[in-house]
Protein backbone atom coordinates (compact mmCIF):
# COMPACT_ATOMS: atom_id res chain seq x y z
CA MET A 1 0.00 0.00 0.00
CA ILE A 2 1.46 3.32 -1.07
CA VAL A 3 0.60 6.35 1.03
CA SER A 4 1.17 9.68 -0.63
CA ARG A 5 2.08 12.44 1.79
CA LYS A 6 0.74 15.82 0.83
CA LYS A 7 2.30 18.91 2.38
CA LYS A 8 0.00 20.39 5.00
CA HIS A 9 -1.54 23.74 4.26
CA PRO A 10 -0.18 26.54 6.52
CA LEU A 11 -3.68 27.24 7.86
CA GLU A 12 -3.98 23.61 8.94
CA ILE A 13 -0.69 23.84 10.84
CA ILE A 14 -1.80 27.09 12.53
CA ILE A 15 -5.09 25.49 13.62
CA ILE A 16 -3.36 22.39 15.02
CA VAL A 17 -0.75 24.43 16.91
CA GLY A 18 -3.40 26.86 18.18
CA LEU A 19 -5.66 24.10 19.49
CA THR A 20 -2.70 22.36 21.12
CA LEU A 21 -1.60 25.56 22.86
CA ALA A 22 -5.15 26.32 23.99
CA PHE A 23 -5.61 22.83 25.46
CA ALA A 24 -2.19 22.91 27.15
CA SER A 25 -2.73 26.33 28.70
CA ILE A 26 -6.21 25.42 30.01
CA TRP A 27 -4.86 22.13 31.42
CA LEU A 28 -1.93 23.84 33.14
CA TRP A 29 -4.10 26.66 34.52
CA ALA A 30 -6.67 24.20 35.91
CA HIS A 31 -4.07 22.00 37.58
CA TRP A 32 -2.20 24.98 39.00
CA ASN A 33 -5.48 26.37 40.32
CA LEU A 34 -6.51 23.03 41.87
CA SER A 35 -3.14 22.65 43.56
CA ARG A 36 -3.70 25.94 45.41
CA GLU A 37 -7.18 25.00 46.75
CA PRO A 38 -7.59 23.67 50.28
CA PRO A 39 -8.19 19.91 50.36
CA HIS A 40 -11.94 19.91 51.07
CA HIS A 41 -12.34 16.35 49.79
CA LYS A 42 -9.48 14.88 51.81
CA GLY A 43 -9.69 13.31 55.22
CA PRO A 44 -7.35 13.02 58.19
CA GLY A 45 -3.93 11.67 57.31
CA SER A 46 -3.99 13.08 53.78
CA VAL A 47 -1.25 15.37 52.56
CA GLY A 48 -2.15 18.96 53.38
CA TYR A 49 -5.00 18.09 55.72
CA PRO A 50 -4.90 20.19 58.89
CA GLU A 51 -4.61 17.90 61.89
CA PRO A 52 -7.12 18.68 64.68
CA ASN A 53 -5.68 19.98 67.93
CA ALA A 54 -5.46 17.38 70.69
CA SER A 55 -6.51 19.97 73.30
CA ALA A 56 -9.78 20.68 71.46
CA ASN A 57 -10.90 17.05 71.82
CA GLU A 58 -10.29 16.90 75.57
């Protein structure tokens, strides 16, 4: 089977690069934003979870 490779049109390259950059920037922004949020969904013993004071329980 012979596959002929046509040269991509410059507009096609611009669209592919633009979509890739948009996806990458949204992904990085979301993960950076989530890493700065307090761990509401985490329980005791999880990384970043504030341990309760022992004096408050007694």
